[in-house]
Amino acid sequence: MNSADKKKLRAQAHSLKPVIMIGQSGLTAAVLAEIELALNSHELIKVRIRAEREDRSARKSALTPELNSFRVLDKLRLFTD
């Protein structure tokens, strides 16, 4: 995906509300299944990770390879398929 496509997705993402919240249990099989469903329904989703800064960074790094997706904008925790 080129930078123009990412810029377009970032612009679309600002109005999105988080559809997935990752809590204390982290990245469970149920959370992964819900994210897969959301990505199949939408091109772009917002994921909120509730954790301390260090834990949040580790969870974000683990999330994208699991889903065969990539982060569009890290600050807003946006993912696309």
N, C-alpha and C. Protein backbone atom coordinates (compact mmCIF):
# COMPACT_ATOMS: atom_id res chain seq x y z
N MET A 1 0.84 -1.16 0.00
CA MET A 1 0.00 0.00 0.00
C MET A 1 0.90 1.24 0.00
N ASN A 2 0.61 2.15 -0.91
CA ASN A 2 1.46 3.34 -1.00
C ASN A 2 1.02 4.41 0.00
N SER A 3 1.80 5.48 0.09
CA SER A 3 1.52 6.51 1.09
C SER A 3 0.22 7.26 0.82
N ALA A 4 -0.18 7.40 -0.43
CA ALA A 4 -1.44 8.07 -0.74
C ALA A 4 -2.64 7.26 -0.22
N ASP A 5 -2.55 5.94 -0.37
CA ASP A 5 -3.62 5.08 0.15
C ASP A 5 -3.70 5.15 1.68
N LYS A 6 -2.54 5.15 2.33
CA LYS A 6 -2.51 5.24 3.79
C LYS A 6 -3.08 6.58 4.25
N LYS A 7 -2.75 7.64 3.53
CA LYS A 7 -3.27 8.97 3.88
C LYS A 7 -4.79 9.00 3.78
N LYS A 8 -5.33 8.36 2.76
CA LYS A 8 -6.78 8.30 2.58
C LYS A 8 -7.42 7.52 3.74
N LEU A 9 -6.82 6.41 4.13
CA LEU A 9 -7.34 5.62 5.24
C LEU A 9 -7.27 6.38 6.56
N ARG A 10 -6.17 7.13 6.77
CA ARG A 10 -6.05 7.93 7.99
C ARG A 10 -7.17 8.96 8.07
N ALA A 11 -7.48 9.59 6.94
CA ALA A 11 -8.54 10.59 6.92
C ALA A 11 -9.89 9.95 7.25
N GLN A 12 -10.13 8.75 6.74
CA GLN A 12 -11.38 8.05 7.03
C GLN A 12 -11.44 7.61 8.49
N ALA A 13 -10.30 7.34 9.08
CA ALA A 13 -10.23 6.75 10.41
C ALA A 13 -10.59 7.70 11.54
N HIS A 14 -10.43 8.98 11.32
CA HIS A 14 -10.64 9.92 12.42
C HIS A 14 -12.05 9.87 12.99
N SER A 15 -13.03 9.56 12.17
CA SER A 15 -14.41 9.54 12.66
C SER A 15 -14.82 8.18 13.25
N LEU A 16 -13.95 7.19 13.17
CA LEU A 16 -14.28 5.85 13.66
C LEU A 16 -14.25 5.78 15.18
N LYS A 17 -15.10 4.96 15.72
CA LYS A 17 -15.09 4.61 17.14
C LYS A 17 -14.43 3.23 17.26
N PRO A 18 -13.76 2.94 18.38
CA PRO A 18 -13.16 1.61 18.53
C PRO A 18 -14.22 0.51 18.49
N VAL A 19 -13.99 -0.50 17.68
CA VAL A 19 -14.92 -1.63 17.60
C VAL A 19 -14.43 -2.81 18.44
N ILE A 20 -13.16 -2.80 18.78
CA ILE A 20 -12.56 -3.87 19.58
C ILE A 20 -11.78 -3.21 20.73
N MET A 21 -11.96 -3.74 21.93
CA MET A 21 -11.20 -3.28 23.09
C MET A 21 -10.44 -4.49 23.65
N ILE A 22 -9.16 -4.33 23.77
CA ILE A 22 -8.32 -5.39 24.33
C ILE A 22 -8.01 -5.00 25.77
N GLY A 23 -8.41 -5.84 26.72
CA GLY A 23 -8.26 -5.54 28.14
C GLY A 23 -7.12 -6.27 28.79
N GLN A 24 -7.31 -6.54 30.08
CA GLN A 24 -6.26 -7.17 30.90
C GLN A 24 -5.88 -8.55 30.42
N SER A 25 -6.82 -9.28 29.85
CA SER A 25 -6.52 -10.65 29.40
C SER A 25 -5.65 -10.67 28.16
N GLY A 26 -5.53 -9.55 27.51
CA GLY A 26 -4.67 -9.47 26.35
C GLY A 26 -5.30 -10.03 25.10
N LEU A 27 -4.48 -10.55 24.24
CA LEU A 27 -4.88 -11.03 22.93
C LEU A 27 -5.30 -12.50 23.03
N THR A 28 -6.56 -12.73 23.35
CA THR A 28 -7.08 -14.09 23.48
C THR A 28 -7.63 -14.57 22.14
N ALA A 29 -7.96 -15.83 22.08
CA ALA A 29 -8.53 -16.39 20.86
C ALA A 29 -9.86 -15.72 20.53
N ALA A 30 -10.64 -15.40 21.55
CA ALA A 30 -11.93 -14.73 21.33
C ALA A 30 -11.73 -13.33 20.75
N VAL A 31 -10.74 -12.61 21.24
CA VAL A 31 -10.46 -11.26 20.73
C VAL A 31 -10.01 -11.36 19.28
N LEU A 32 -9.13 -12.30 18.98
CA LEU A 32 -8.67 -12.48 17.60
C LEU A 32 -9.83 -12.82 16.66
N ALA A 33 -10.75 -13.64 17.13
CA ALA A 33 -11.91 -14.00 16.31
C ALA A 33 -12.78 -12.78 16.04
N GLU A 34 -12.99 -11.95 17.04
CA GLU A 34 -13.80 -10.74 16.87
C GLU A 34 -13.13 -9.76 15.92
N ILE A 35 -11.81 -9.63 16.01
CA ILE A 35 -11.08 -8.74 15.10
C ILE A 35 -11.19 -9.25 13.67
N GLU A 36 -11.06 -10.56 13.49
CA GLU A 36 -11.21 -11.15 12.15
C GLU A 36 -12.60 -10.84 11.57
N LEU A 37 -13.64 -11.00 12.39
CA LEU A 37 -15.00 -10.69 11.94
C LEU A 37 -15.12 -9.22 11.55
N ALA A 38 -14.58 -8.34 12.38
CA ALA A 38 -14.65 -6.91 12.10
C ALA A 38 -13.90 -6.55 10.82
N LEU A 39 -12.72 -7.15 10.62
CA LEU A 39 -11.94 -6.87 9.41
C LEU A 39 -12.62 -7.42 8.16
N ASN A 40 -13.34 -8.52 8.30
CA ASN A 40 -14.07 -9.07 7.16
C ASN A 40 -15.26 -8.19 6.79
N SER A 41 -15.82 -7.49 7.78
CA SER A 41 -16.97 -6.63 7.53
C SER A 41 -16.57 -5.22 7.10
N HIS A 42 -15.43 -4.76 7.56
CA HIS A 42 -14.99 -3.38 7.31
C HIS A 42 -13.56 -3.40 6.80
N GLU A 43 -13.24 -2.44 5.96
CA GLU A 43 -11.86 -2.34 5.47
C GLU A 43 -10.94 -1.82 6.57
N LEU A 44 -11.48 -0.99 7.44
CA LEU A 44 -10.68 -0.29 8.43
C LEU A 44 -11.38 -0.37 9.78
N ILE A 45 -10.64 -0.73 10.82
CA ILE A 45 -11.22 -0.77 12.16
C ILE A 45 -10.29 -0.05 13.13
N LYS A 46 -10.85 0.36 14.25
CA LYS A 46 -10.07 0.98 15.30
C LYS A 46 -10.08 0.02 16.49
N VAL A 47 -8.90 -0.24 17.02
CA VAL A 47 -8.74 -1.14 18.16
C VAL A 47 -8.16 -0.34 19.32
N ARG A 48 -8.78 -0.42 20.48
CA ARG A 48 -8.25 0.24 21.67
C ARG A 48 -7.63 -0.81 22.57
N ILE A 49 -6.41 -0.56 22.99
CA ILE A 49 -5.70 -1.48 23.88
C ILE A 49 -5.57 -0.81 25.23
N ARG A 50 -6.21 -1.40 26.24
CA ARG A 50 -6.16 -0.86 27.59
C ARG A 50 -5.06 -1.58 28.37
N ALA A 51 -3.93 -0.92 28.48
CA ALA A 51 -2.78 -1.49 29.19
C ALA A 51 -1.77 -0.37 29.45
N GLU A 52 -0.77 -0.68 30.25
CA GLU A 52 0.31 0.27 30.47
C GLU A 52 1.09 0.43 29.16
N ARG A 53 1.83 1.50 29.04
CA ARG A 53 2.54 1.83 27.81
C ARG A 53 3.40 0.68 27.28
N GLU A 54 4.19 0.06 28.16
CA GLU A 54 5.07 -1.02 27.73
C GLU A 54 4.27 -2.23 27.24
N ASP A 55 3.22 -2.57 27.98
CA ASP A 55 2.38 -3.70 27.59
C ASP A 55 1.64 -3.41 26.30
N ARG A 56 1.18 -2.18 26.14
CA ARG A 56 0.44 -1.79 24.95
C ARG A 56 1.32 -1.93 23.70
N SER A 57 2.56 -1.52 23.82
CA SER A 57 3.48 -1.62 22.70
C SER A 57 3.71 -3.08 22.31
N ALA A 58 3.87 -3.95 23.29
CA ALA A 58 4.09 -5.37 23.01
C ALA A 58 2.84 -5.99 22.38
N ARG A 59 1.66 -5.62 22.86
CA ARG A 59 0.42 -6.18 22.32
C ARG A 59 0.19 -5.71 20.88
N LYS A 60 0.53 -4.45 20.60
CA LYS A 60 0.38 -3.95 19.22
C LYS A 60 1.31 -4.71 18.28
N SER A 61 2.52 -4.96 18.74
CA SER A 61 3.48 -5.68 17.90
C SER A 61 3.03 -7.10 17.61
N ALA A 62 2.36 -7.72 18.57
CA ALA A 62 1.89 -9.10 18.39
C ALA A 62 0.62 -9.17 17.56
N LEU A 63 -0.13 -8.10 17.52
CA LEU A 63 -1.45 -8.12 16.89
C LEU A 63 -1.39 -8.19 15.37
N THR A 64 -0.62 -7.36 14.73
CA THR A 64 -0.65 -7.29 13.27
C THR A 64 -0.19 -8.56 12.56
N PRO A 65 0.88 -9.25 13.00
CA PRO A 65 1.24 -10.50 12.30
C PRO A 65 0.18 -11.59 12.47
N GLU A 66 -0.49 -11.61 13.62
CA GLU A 66 -1.53 -12.61 13.87
C GLU A 66 -2.67 -12.49 12.87
N LEU A 67 -2.96 -11.27 12.44
CA LEU A 67 -4.14 -11.01 11.63
C LEU A 67 -3.84 -10.79 10.15
N ASN A 68 -2.57 -10.84 9.78
CA ASN A 68 -2.19 -10.56 8.40
C ASN A 68 -2.73 -9.18 7.98
N SER A 69 -2.49 -8.20 8.84
CA SER A 69 -2.95 -6.84 8.61
C SER A 69 -1.80 -5.90 8.94
N PHE A 70 -2.04 -4.60 8.83
CA PHE A 70 -1.00 -3.65 9.19
C PHE A 70 -1.61 -2.43 9.85
N ARG A 71 -0.77 -1.71 10.58
CA ARG A 71 -1.22 -0.50 11.25
C ARG A 71 -1.17 0.65 10.28
N VAL A 72 -2.25 1.40 10.22
CA VAL A 72 -2.28 2.59 9.39
C VAL A 72 -1.76 3.77 10.19
N LEU A 73 -2.21 3.88 11.41
CA LEU A 73 -1.79 4.98 12.27
C LEU A 73 -1.70 4.45 13.69
N ASP A 74 -0.51 4.44 14.22
CA ASP A 74 -0.28 3.84 15.53
C ASP A 74 -0.96 4.61 16.65
N LYS A 75 -0.94 5.90 16.59
CA LYS A 75 -1.50 6.71 17.66
C LYS A 75 -2.97 6.39 17.91
N LEU A 76 -3.71 6.18 16.86
CA LEU A 76 -5.14 5.89 16.99
C LEU A 76 -5.44 4.40 17.00
N ARG A 77 -4.39 3.58 16.91
CA ARG A 77 -4.56 2.13 16.93
C ARG A 77 -5.49 1.64 15.83
N LEU A 78 -5.18 1.97 14.61
CA LEU A 78 -6.02 1.61 13.47
C LEU A 78 -5.39 0.47 12.71
N PHE A 79 -6.24 -0.44 12.24
CA PHE A 79 -5.76 -1.59 11.50
C PHE A 79 -6.60 -1.77 10.26
N THR A 80 -5.99 -2.33 9.24
CA THR A 80 -6.72 -2.64 8.03
C THR A 80 -6.28 -4.00 7.52
N ASP A 81 -7.11 -4.61 6.75
CA ASP A 81 -6.86 -5.95 6.23
C ASP A 81 -6.15 -5.86 4.90
